[in-house]
N, C-alpha and C. Protein backbone atom coordinates (compact mmCIF):
# COMPACT_ATOMS: atom_id res chain seq x y z
N MET A 1 88.45 80.54 130.53
CA MET A 1 89.06 79.16 130.56
C MET A 1 90.54 79.24 130.62
N ASN A 2 91.19 78.47 131.39
CA ASN A 2 92.66 78.44 131.38
C ASN A 2 93.23 77.35 130.51
N ASP A 3 93.88 77.65 129.43
CA ASP A 3 94.34 76.64 128.44
C ASP A 3 95.62 76.00 128.99
N THR A 4 95.52 74.72 129.38
CA THR A 4 96.63 74.02 129.94
C THR A 4 97.16 73.01 129.03
N TYR A 5 96.76 73.03 127.79
CA TYR A 5 97.37 72.05 126.81
C TYR A 5 98.77 72.28 126.53
N VAL A 6 99.55 71.27 126.87
CA VAL A 6 101.03 71.36 126.68
C VAL A 6 101.34 70.68 125.35
N ILE A 7 102.02 71.38 124.47
CA ILE A 7 102.42 70.96 123.07
C ILE A 7 103.52 69.88 123.19
N PHE A 8 103.30 68.80 122.36
CA PHE A 8 104.21 67.76 122.42
C PHE A 8 105.46 68.06 121.69
N ASP A 9 106.61 67.87 122.26
CA ASP A 9 107.99 68.00 121.53
C ASP A 9 108.48 66.66 121.31
N PRO A 10 108.54 66.20 119.92
CA PRO A 10 108.96 64.78 119.67
C PRO A 10 110.46 64.71 119.84
N LYS A 11 111.24 65.80 120.06
CA LYS A 11 112.71 65.62 120.20
C LYS A 11 113.41 65.16 119.04
N VAL A 12 112.94 65.52 117.82
CA VAL A 12 113.65 65.24 116.58
C VAL A 12 113.75 66.46 115.78
N ASP A 13 114.80 66.61 115.04
CA ASP A 13 115.00 67.69 114.10
C ASP A 13 114.75 67.54 112.69
N ARG A 14 114.21 66.52 112.29
CA ARG A 14 114.01 66.24 110.90
C ARG A 14 112.96 64.99 110.86
N PRO A 15 112.38 64.80 109.70
CA PRO A 15 111.53 63.61 109.47
C PRO A 15 112.14 62.29 109.90
N LEU A 16 111.46 61.38 110.59
CA LEU A 16 112.02 60.13 111.08
C LEU A 16 112.58 59.37 109.85
N HIS A 17 112.00 59.36 108.76
CA HIS A 17 112.50 58.59 107.59
C HIS A 17 113.88 58.94 107.18
N GLU A 18 114.32 60.28 107.47
CA GLU A 18 115.56 60.74 107.08
C GLU A 18 116.68 60.46 108.21
N MET A 19 116.27 59.90 109.34
CA MET A 19 117.22 59.76 110.44
C MET A 19 117.84 58.33 110.25
N PRO A 20 119.23 58.22 110.74
CA PRO A 20 119.76 56.92 110.81
C PRO A 20 118.85 56.02 111.74
N ARG A 21 118.90 54.74 111.40
CA ARG A 21 118.03 53.80 112.16
C ARG A 21 118.19 53.93 113.75
N ASN A 22 119.40 54.01 114.15
CA ASN A 22 119.67 54.14 115.59
C ASN A 22 119.12 55.21 116.25
N ASP A 23 119.20 56.39 115.65
CA ASP A 23 118.52 57.69 116.06
C ASP A 23 117.00 57.61 116.01
N ALA A 24 116.56 57.07 114.95
CA ALA A 24 115.03 56.94 114.71
C ALA A 24 114.49 56.02 115.83
N LYS A 25 115.22 54.93 116.12
CA LYS A 25 114.78 53.93 117.10
C LYS A 25 114.79 54.59 118.58
N ALA A 26 115.86 55.36 118.81
CA ALA A 26 115.98 56.09 120.08
C ALA A 26 114.73 56.93 120.12
N ALA A 27 114.42 57.74 119.02
CA ALA A 27 113.27 58.61 119.07
C ALA A 27 111.92 57.86 119.27
N TYR A 28 111.84 56.69 118.68
CA TYR A 28 110.60 55.80 118.92
C TYR A 28 110.53 55.37 120.36
N ASN A 29 111.68 54.92 120.97
CA ASN A 29 111.61 54.57 122.42
C ASN A 29 111.25 55.67 123.34
N TRP A 30 111.72 56.85 122.94
CA TRP A 30 111.37 58.01 123.83
C TRP A 30 109.89 58.22 123.59
N PHE A 31 109.36 58.28 122.43
CA PHE A 31 107.96 58.54 122.03
C PHE A 31 107.10 57.51 122.77
N ILE A 32 107.37 56.24 122.89
CA ILE A 32 106.62 55.21 123.51
C ILE A 32 106.70 55.31 125.04
N SER A 33 107.81 55.92 125.52
CA SER A 33 107.94 56.21 127.05
C SER A 33 106.96 57.44 127.43
N GLN A 34 106.70 58.25 126.39
CA GLN A 34 105.86 59.50 126.61
C GLN A 34 104.34 59.35 126.48
N LYS A 35 103.94 58.11 125.83
CA LYS A 35 102.59 58.13 125.32
C LYS A 35 101.47 58.13 126.49
N ASP A 36 101.79 57.49 127.55
CA ASP A 36 100.82 57.62 128.73
C ASP A 36 100.66 58.97 129.26
N GLU A 37 101.75 59.82 129.29
CA GLU A 37 101.68 61.12 129.78
C GLU A 37 100.96 62.00 128.64
N ARG A 38 101.09 61.65 127.50
CA ARG A 38 100.44 62.40 126.44
C ARG A 38 98.81 62.18 126.44
N ILE A 39 98.48 60.89 126.79
CA ILE A 39 97.14 60.68 127.05
C ILE A 39 96.55 61.40 128.17
N GLU A 40 97.45 61.48 129.24
CA GLU A 40 96.92 62.39 130.39
C GLU A 40 96.79 63.77 130.07
N VAL A 41 97.67 64.36 129.26
CA VAL A 41 97.61 65.74 128.75
C VAL A 41 96.35 65.89 128.03
N LEU A 42 96.00 64.99 127.17
CA LEU A 42 94.77 65.10 126.32
C LEU A 42 93.54 65.08 127.09
N LYS A 43 93.53 64.02 128.19
CA LYS A 43 92.45 64.01 129.12
C LYS A 43 92.22 65.33 129.93
N ARG A 44 93.24 65.79 130.44
CA ARG A 44 93.16 67.11 131.10
C ARG A 44 92.55 68.20 130.25
N TYR A 45 93.10 68.28 128.97
CA TYR A 45 92.56 69.22 128.00
C TYR A 45 91.12 69.00 127.81
N ALA A 46 90.72 67.76 127.58
CA ALA A 46 89.28 67.54 127.34
C ALA A 46 88.46 67.91 128.43
N HIS A 47 88.92 67.62 129.69
CA HIS A 47 88.25 67.96 130.90
C HIS A 47 88.02 69.55 130.99
N GLU A 48 89.11 70.19 130.71
CA GLU A 48 89.05 71.65 130.66
C GLU A 48 87.94 72.17 129.64
N LEU A 49 87.90 71.47 128.59
CA LEU A 49 86.86 71.82 127.58
C LEU A 49 85.42 71.30 127.79
N GLY A 50 85.35 70.56 128.87
CA GLY A 50 83.95 70.10 129.44
C GLY A 50 83.52 68.74 128.79
N PHE A 51 84.52 67.89 128.46
CA PHE A 51 84.10 66.54 128.17
C PHE A 51 85.12 65.51 128.71
N SER A 52 84.78 64.29 128.75
CA SER A 52 85.60 63.28 129.32
C SER A 52 85.94 62.26 128.23
N LEU A 53 87.14 61.66 128.36
CA LEU A 53 87.60 60.65 127.56
C LEU A 53 87.45 59.32 128.10
N ASP A 54 86.80 59.23 129.24
CA ASP A 54 86.59 57.93 130.05
C ASP A 54 85.76 56.86 129.07
N ASP A 55 84.66 57.46 128.38
CA ASP A 55 83.84 56.63 127.54
C ASP A 55 84.49 56.77 126.12
N GLU A 56 85.51 56.01 125.95
CA GLU A 56 86.42 56.08 124.74
C GLU A 56 85.68 56.12 123.37
N PHE A 57 84.75 55.30 123.21
CA PHE A 57 83.98 55.27 121.93
C PHE A 57 83.22 56.55 121.61
N ASN A 58 82.61 57.08 122.69
CA ASN A 58 81.88 58.45 122.48
C ASN A 58 82.96 59.54 122.41
N ALA A 59 84.09 59.38 123.04
CA ALA A 59 85.14 60.40 123.03
C ALA A 59 85.76 60.58 121.61
N ILE A 60 85.67 59.53 120.81
CA ILE A 60 86.30 59.63 119.48
C ILE A 60 85.63 60.75 118.68
N GLU A 61 84.27 60.85 118.77
CA GLU A 61 83.60 62.01 118.10
C GLU A 61 84.04 63.37 118.56
N GLN A 62 84.01 63.38 119.94
CA GLN A 62 84.42 64.66 120.51
C GLN A 62 85.84 65.13 120.26
N LEU A 63 86.69 64.18 120.16
CA LEU A 63 88.13 64.47 119.80
C LEU A 63 88.15 64.84 118.30
N HIS A 64 87.32 64.34 117.45
CA HIS A 64 87.21 64.75 116.04
C HIS A 64 86.80 66.21 116.08
N ASN A 65 85.71 66.53 116.73
CA ASN A 65 85.32 67.87 116.78
C ASN A 65 86.36 68.86 117.35
N LEU A 66 86.96 68.41 118.39
CA LEU A 66 87.99 69.26 118.90
C LEU A 66 89.09 69.57 117.85
N LEU A 67 89.52 68.57 117.14
CA LEU A 67 90.58 68.78 116.18
C LEU A 67 90.11 69.72 115.10
N VAL A 68 88.89 69.54 114.55
CA VAL A 68 88.37 70.41 113.52
C VAL A 68 88.32 71.86 114.01
N ALA A 69 87.88 72.03 115.29
CA ALA A 69 87.74 73.33 115.84
C ALA A 69 89.20 73.98 116.08
N GLU A 70 90.11 73.27 116.43
CA GLU A 70 91.48 73.85 116.49
C GLU A 70 92.07 74.12 115.18
N VAL A 71 91.76 73.45 114.21
CA VAL A 71 92.26 73.71 112.87
C VAL A 71 91.52 75.04 112.44
N HIS A 72 90.19 75.07 112.60
CA HIS A 72 89.49 76.33 112.10
C HIS A 72 89.81 77.51 113.02
N LYS A 73 90.28 77.24 114.21
CA LYS A 73 90.72 78.48 115.03
C LYS A 73 92.05 79.08 114.38
N ASP A 74 92.90 78.19 113.90
CA ASP A 74 94.01 78.67 113.16
C ASP A 74 93.77 79.46 111.86
N GLY A 75 92.51 79.17 111.21
CA GLY A 75 92.29 79.74 109.92
C GLY A 75 93.04 79.08 108.82
N VAL A 76 92.56 79.44 107.57
CA VAL A 76 93.09 78.84 106.43
C VAL A 76 94.61 79.32 106.36
N ARG A 77 95.44 78.30 106.16
CA ARG A 77 96.89 78.64 106.08
C ARG A 77 97.59 77.51 105.31
N ASP A 78 98.85 77.64 104.95
CA ASP A 78 99.61 76.73 104.18
C ASP A 78 99.94 75.52 105.06
N VAL A 79 100.24 75.77 106.32
CA VAL A 79 100.85 74.61 107.18
C VAL A 79 100.08 74.82 108.48
N SER A 80 99.62 73.70 109.08
CA SER A 80 98.97 73.78 110.34
C SER A 80 99.92 74.15 111.46
N SER A 81 99.37 74.63 112.60
CA SER A 81 100.35 75.11 113.63
C SER A 81 100.88 73.88 114.36
N THR A 82 101.86 74.09 115.12
CA THR A 82 102.60 73.12 116.00
C THR A 82 101.53 72.56 116.93
N ARG A 83 100.70 73.41 117.47
CA ARG A 83 99.63 72.96 118.46
C ARG A 83 98.62 72.03 117.82
N VAL A 84 98.22 72.20 116.45
CA VAL A 84 97.41 71.21 115.72
C VAL A 84 98.15 69.99 115.59
N PHE A 85 99.36 69.95 115.06
CA PHE A 85 100.08 68.73 114.94
C PHE A 85 100.13 67.99 116.16
N SER A 86 100.52 68.72 117.32
CA SER A 86 100.67 68.05 118.66
C SER A 86 99.30 67.39 118.92
N LEU A 87 98.22 68.08 118.67
CA LEU A 87 96.84 67.44 119.05
C LEU A 87 96.69 66.22 118.12
N CYS A 88 97.06 66.32 116.93
CA CYS A 88 96.92 65.15 116.02
C CYS A 88 97.73 63.97 116.70
N ASN A 89 98.82 64.28 117.07
CA ASN A 89 99.71 63.17 117.72
C ASN A 89 99.03 62.69 118.98
N ASP A 90 98.57 63.48 119.82
CA ASP A 90 97.89 63.06 121.11
C ASP A 90 96.65 62.25 120.80
N ILE A 91 95.77 62.70 119.93
CA ILE A 91 94.57 61.94 119.54
C ILE A 91 94.92 60.61 118.87
N ALA A 92 95.90 60.57 118.05
CA ALA A 92 96.46 59.34 117.41
C ALA A 92 96.94 58.27 118.49
N ILE A 93 97.63 58.83 119.44
CA ILE A 93 98.18 57.93 120.58
C ILE A 93 96.85 57.37 121.26
N PHE A 94 95.91 58.21 121.57
CA PHE A 94 94.67 57.82 122.31
C PHE A 94 94.00 56.66 121.48
N ILE A 95 93.74 56.93 120.22
CA ILE A 95 93.11 55.91 119.44
C ILE A 95 93.77 54.71 119.24
N SER A 96 95.19 54.86 118.99
CA SER A 96 96.08 53.68 118.85
C SER A 96 96.03 52.72 120.17
N ASP A 97 96.13 53.40 121.19
CA ASP A 97 96.15 52.68 122.49
C ASP A 97 94.83 51.96 122.70
N MET A 98 93.69 52.46 122.21
CA MET A 98 92.37 51.84 122.27
C MET A 98 92.48 50.59 121.38
N LEU A 99 93.05 50.83 120.21
CA LEU A 99 93.20 49.71 119.29
C LEU A 99 93.99 48.55 119.91
N VAL A 100 95.16 48.81 120.52
CA VAL A 100 96.02 47.78 121.11
C VAL A 100 95.25 47.14 122.27
N ARG A 101 94.47 47.94 123.07
CA ARG A 101 93.77 47.28 124.08
C ARG A 101 92.64 46.29 123.63
N ASN A 102 92.00 46.74 122.49
CA ASN A 102 90.81 45.90 121.94
C ASN A 102 90.99 44.96 120.86
N GLY A 103 92.19 45.01 120.31
CA GLY A 103 92.60 43.94 119.30
C GLY A 103 93.68 43.19 119.82
N SER A 104 93.48 41.92 120.17
CA SER A 104 94.35 41.09 120.91
C SER A 104 95.73 40.90 120.21
N SER A 105 95.82 41.07 118.84
CA SER A 105 97.03 40.89 118.21
C SER A 105 97.76 42.20 117.95
N LEU A 106 97.11 43.29 118.24
CA LEU A 106 97.78 44.64 117.90
C LEU A 106 98.80 45.13 118.80
N GLN A 107 99.80 45.86 118.31
CA GLN A 107 100.87 46.35 119.16
C GLN A 107 101.57 47.50 118.50
N TRP A 108 102.18 48.36 119.28
CA TRP A 108 102.90 49.44 118.81
C TRP A 108 104.27 48.81 118.14
N THR A 109 104.70 49.36 117.07
CA THR A 109 105.95 48.83 116.37
C THR A 109 106.69 49.93 115.75
N PHE A 110 108.01 49.83 115.84
CA PHE A 110 108.94 50.77 115.17
C PHE A 110 109.01 50.19 113.71
N TYR A 111 108.57 51.00 112.76
CA TYR A 111 108.36 50.44 111.34
C TYR A 111 109.46 50.59 110.51
N ILE A 112 110.04 49.44 110.17
CA ILE A 112 111.21 49.26 109.32
C ILE A 112 111.12 48.34 108.17
N ALA A 113 109.81 47.91 107.81
CA ALA A 113 109.68 46.92 106.81
C ALA A 113 110.03 47.39 105.44
N ASN A 114 109.77 48.62 105.06
CA ASN A 114 110.19 49.08 103.78
C ASN A 114 110.47 50.61 103.92
N GLU A 115 111.78 50.85 103.59
CA GLU A 115 112.19 52.27 103.66
C GLU A 115 111.44 53.21 102.63
N ASN A 116 110.79 52.68 101.70
CA ASN A 116 110.04 53.45 100.67
C ASN A 116 108.58 53.82 101.27
N ASP A 117 108.12 53.14 102.27
CA ASP A 117 106.83 53.39 102.88
C ASP A 117 106.86 54.69 103.61
N LEU A 118 105.60 55.33 103.65
CA LEU A 118 105.47 56.58 104.31
C LEU A 118 105.83 56.58 105.73
N SER A 119 105.40 55.46 106.32
CA SER A 119 105.65 55.24 107.81
C SER A 119 106.94 54.75 108.22
N TYR A 120 107.93 54.70 107.37
CA TYR A 120 109.34 54.12 107.76
C TYR A 120 109.91 54.88 108.87
N HIS A 121 110.34 54.35 109.83
CA HIS A 121 110.88 54.65 111.10
C HIS A 121 109.84 55.33 111.99
N ARG A 122 108.70 55.25 111.73
CA ARG A 122 107.60 55.87 112.59
C ARG A 122 106.95 54.91 113.48
N PRO A 123 106.36 55.32 114.61
CA PRO A 123 105.62 54.38 115.51
C PRO A 123 104.20 54.09 114.85
N VAL A 124 103.94 52.80 114.65
CA VAL A 124 102.77 52.40 113.92
C VAL A 124 102.15 51.34 114.71
N ILE A 125 100.87 50.88 114.31
CA ILE A 125 100.21 49.76 114.92
C ILE A 125 100.36 48.60 113.91
N THR A 126 100.80 47.34 114.30
CA THR A 126 100.88 46.32 113.45
C THR A 126 100.20 45.09 114.21
N GLY A 127 100.19 43.86 113.61
CA GLY A 127 99.66 42.71 114.10
C GLY A 127 98.32 42.39 113.66
N PHE A 128 98.06 42.85 112.37
CA PHE A 128 96.69 42.73 111.70
C PHE A 128 96.53 41.25 111.15
N ASN A 129 95.24 40.91 111.13
CA ASN A 129 94.92 39.61 110.50
C ASN A 129 94.62 39.81 108.95
N VAL A 130 95.78 40.08 108.21
CA VAL A 130 95.65 40.32 106.84
C VAL A 130 96.76 39.51 106.15
N LYS A 131 96.67 39.43 104.88
CA LYS A 131 97.68 38.58 104.14
C LYS A 131 99.03 39.27 104.10
N ASN A 132 99.10 40.65 104.13
CA ASN A 132 100.32 41.24 103.98
C ASN A 132 100.89 41.39 105.45
N ASN A 133 101.92 40.62 105.70
CA ASN A 133 102.57 40.76 106.99
C ASN A 133 103.21 42.11 107.43
N ASN A 134 103.44 42.95 106.52
CA ASN A 134 103.93 44.24 106.69
C ASN A 134 102.93 45.33 106.92
N TYR A 135 101.65 44.94 106.83
CA TYR A 135 100.56 45.78 107.02
C TYR A 135 100.59 46.55 108.30
N SER A 136 100.41 47.92 108.24
CA SER A 136 100.51 48.80 109.55
C SER A 136 99.59 49.88 109.30
N VAL A 137 99.24 50.47 110.47
CA VAL A 137 98.34 51.69 110.49
C VAL A 137 99.10 52.74 111.19
N ASP A 138 99.23 53.96 110.66
CA ASP A 138 99.95 55.11 111.19
C ASP A 138 98.82 56.26 111.30
N ILE A 139 98.12 56.15 112.48
CA ILE A 139 97.03 57.07 112.66
C ILE A 139 97.43 58.50 112.78
N ASP A 140 98.65 58.74 113.36
CA ASP A 140 99.09 60.05 113.48
C ASP A 140 99.35 60.71 112.04
N TYR A 141 99.86 59.93 111.17
CA TYR A 141 100.10 60.40 109.76
C TYR A 141 98.78 60.71 109.10
N VAL A 142 97.71 59.95 109.35
CA VAL A 142 96.56 60.16 108.73
C VAL A 142 95.88 61.43 109.29
N LEU A 143 95.94 61.54 110.55
CA LEU A 143 95.42 62.73 111.20
C LEU A 143 96.07 64.01 110.78
N CYS A 144 97.36 64.04 110.65
CA CYS A 144 98.09 65.12 110.23
C CYS A 144 97.81 65.48 108.83
N GLN A 145 97.67 64.49 107.87
CA GLN A 145 97.22 64.87 106.57
C GLN A 145 95.74 65.51 106.56
N TYR A 146 94.89 64.96 107.36
CA TYR A 146 93.49 65.42 107.47
C TYR A 146 93.61 66.95 107.91
N ALA A 147 94.38 67.17 109.03
CA ALA A 147 94.41 68.53 109.54
C ALA A 147 95.07 69.43 108.56
N HIS A 148 96.01 68.99 107.74
CA HIS A 148 96.62 69.79 106.79
C HIS A 148 95.61 70.11 105.69
N ARG A 149 94.78 69.23 105.24
CA ARG A 149 93.66 69.46 104.31
C ARG A 149 92.72 70.41 104.83
N LEU A 150 92.32 70.17 106.06
CA LEU A 150 91.36 71.15 106.66
C LEU A 150 91.89 72.61 106.70
N SER A 151 93.18 72.69 107.07
CA SER A 151 93.88 73.94 107.26
C SER A 151 93.97 74.75 105.86
N LYS A 152 93.86 74.01 104.75
CA LYS A 152 93.85 74.67 103.50
C LYS A 152 92.43 74.77 102.94
N GLY A 153 91.41 74.73 103.86
CA GLY A 153 90.02 74.94 103.55
C GLY A 153 89.24 73.78 103.06
N GLY A 154 89.79 72.58 103.28
CA GLY A 154 89.12 71.29 102.93
C GLY A 154 87.92 70.99 103.82
N ASN A 155 87.10 70.13 103.33
CA ASN A 155 85.83 69.84 104.08
C ASN A 155 86.05 68.94 105.18
N GLN A 156 85.30 69.14 106.25
CA GLN A 156 85.23 68.16 107.48
C GLN A 156 84.54 66.91 107.12
N LYS A 157 85.19 65.79 107.50
CA LYS A 157 84.66 64.47 107.30
C LYS A 157 83.99 63.99 108.49
N GLU A 158 82.64 64.08 108.59
CA GLU A 158 81.90 63.62 109.69
C GLU A 158 82.23 62.22 110.02
N GLY A 159 82.41 61.76 111.26
CA GLY A 159 82.66 60.53 111.73
C GLY A 159 83.93 59.90 111.22
N LEU A 160 84.86 60.67 110.80
CA LEU A 160 86.18 60.16 110.36
C LEU A 160 86.89 59.24 111.27
N LEU A 161 87.11 59.80 112.48
CA LEU A 161 87.94 59.08 113.56
C LEU A 161 87.26 57.70 113.81
N ARG A 162 85.91 57.84 113.97
CA ARG A 162 85.23 56.45 114.32
C ARG A 162 85.39 55.47 113.12
N ARG A 163 85.29 55.99 111.82
CA ARG A 163 85.54 55.04 110.68
C ARG A 163 86.89 54.55 110.71
N ILE A 164 87.92 55.38 110.96
CA ILE A 164 89.30 54.81 111.10
C ILE A 164 89.36 53.76 112.14
N TYR A 165 88.75 54.08 113.37
CA TYR A 165 88.99 53.04 114.41
C TYR A 165 88.26 51.80 114.04
N GLU A 166 86.99 51.82 113.48
CA GLU A 166 86.22 50.62 113.08
C GLU A 166 86.86 49.90 112.00
N SER A 167 87.41 50.51 110.96
CA SER A 167 88.05 49.91 109.83
C SER A 167 89.38 49.25 110.39
N THR A 168 90.09 49.85 111.25
CA THR A 168 91.37 49.29 111.65
C THR A 168 91.10 48.08 112.64
N ILE A 169 90.23 48.27 113.57
CA ILE A 169 89.91 47.16 114.41
C ILE A 169 89.33 45.92 113.71
N SER A 170 88.66 46.02 112.71
CA SER A 170 88.00 45.02 111.98
C SER A 170 89.13 44.06 111.26
N LYS A 171 90.26 44.61 111.17
CA LYS A 171 91.46 43.78 110.54
C LYS A 171 92.23 43.12 111.63
N ALA A 172 91.83 43.18 112.81
CA ALA A 172 92.60 42.63 113.95
C ALA A 172 91.84 41.40 114.62
N HIS A 173 92.65 40.49 115.20
CA HIS A 173 92.01 39.51 116.05
C HIS A 173 91.47 40.15 117.28
N ARG A 174 90.18 40.03 117.58
CA ARG A 174 89.66 40.65 118.78
C ARG A 174 89.91 39.88 119.96
N LYS A 175 89.93 40.56 121.16
CA LYS A 175 90.04 39.95 122.47
C LYS A 175 88.75 39.26 122.72
N LYS A 176 88.83 38.12 123.45
CA LYS A 176 87.57 37.42 123.75
C LYS A 176 87.02 37.92 125.01
């Protein structure tokens, strides 16, 4: 098998919450401009591994298995590899775009509501039908934390990505 997966370079030199707003916003704009290409990279990699992302809802489980396999390939370590974090990012983009397509009120947002939030200056999904107007979901952050836990020998959580999707979409206005 020829591994054609191209690692994502976010073009930032430090965590987004540490960046001045203008620089973080520029990084967000660049990220948004790259997300369709990152989904294509993920689709090509999935095809190379023998599965398709065309049936999105079934693909969620396959992407979960792929992420777990990539983390286990790295072995137990203090920090996951750049490849694993890139894969987390691409899977998060794929799932987030599914959410935006299927939840009529959902959208990508540059998060600036509260500089003490973990997702400050990060690309998140907003527009939920909840009381908290600042409610957002940062799937990339969640997946990176999960991969980090797995890389330290933590247990795999069966159905995690599907539960994340279902929980998130349940808080959105659905398209009719």
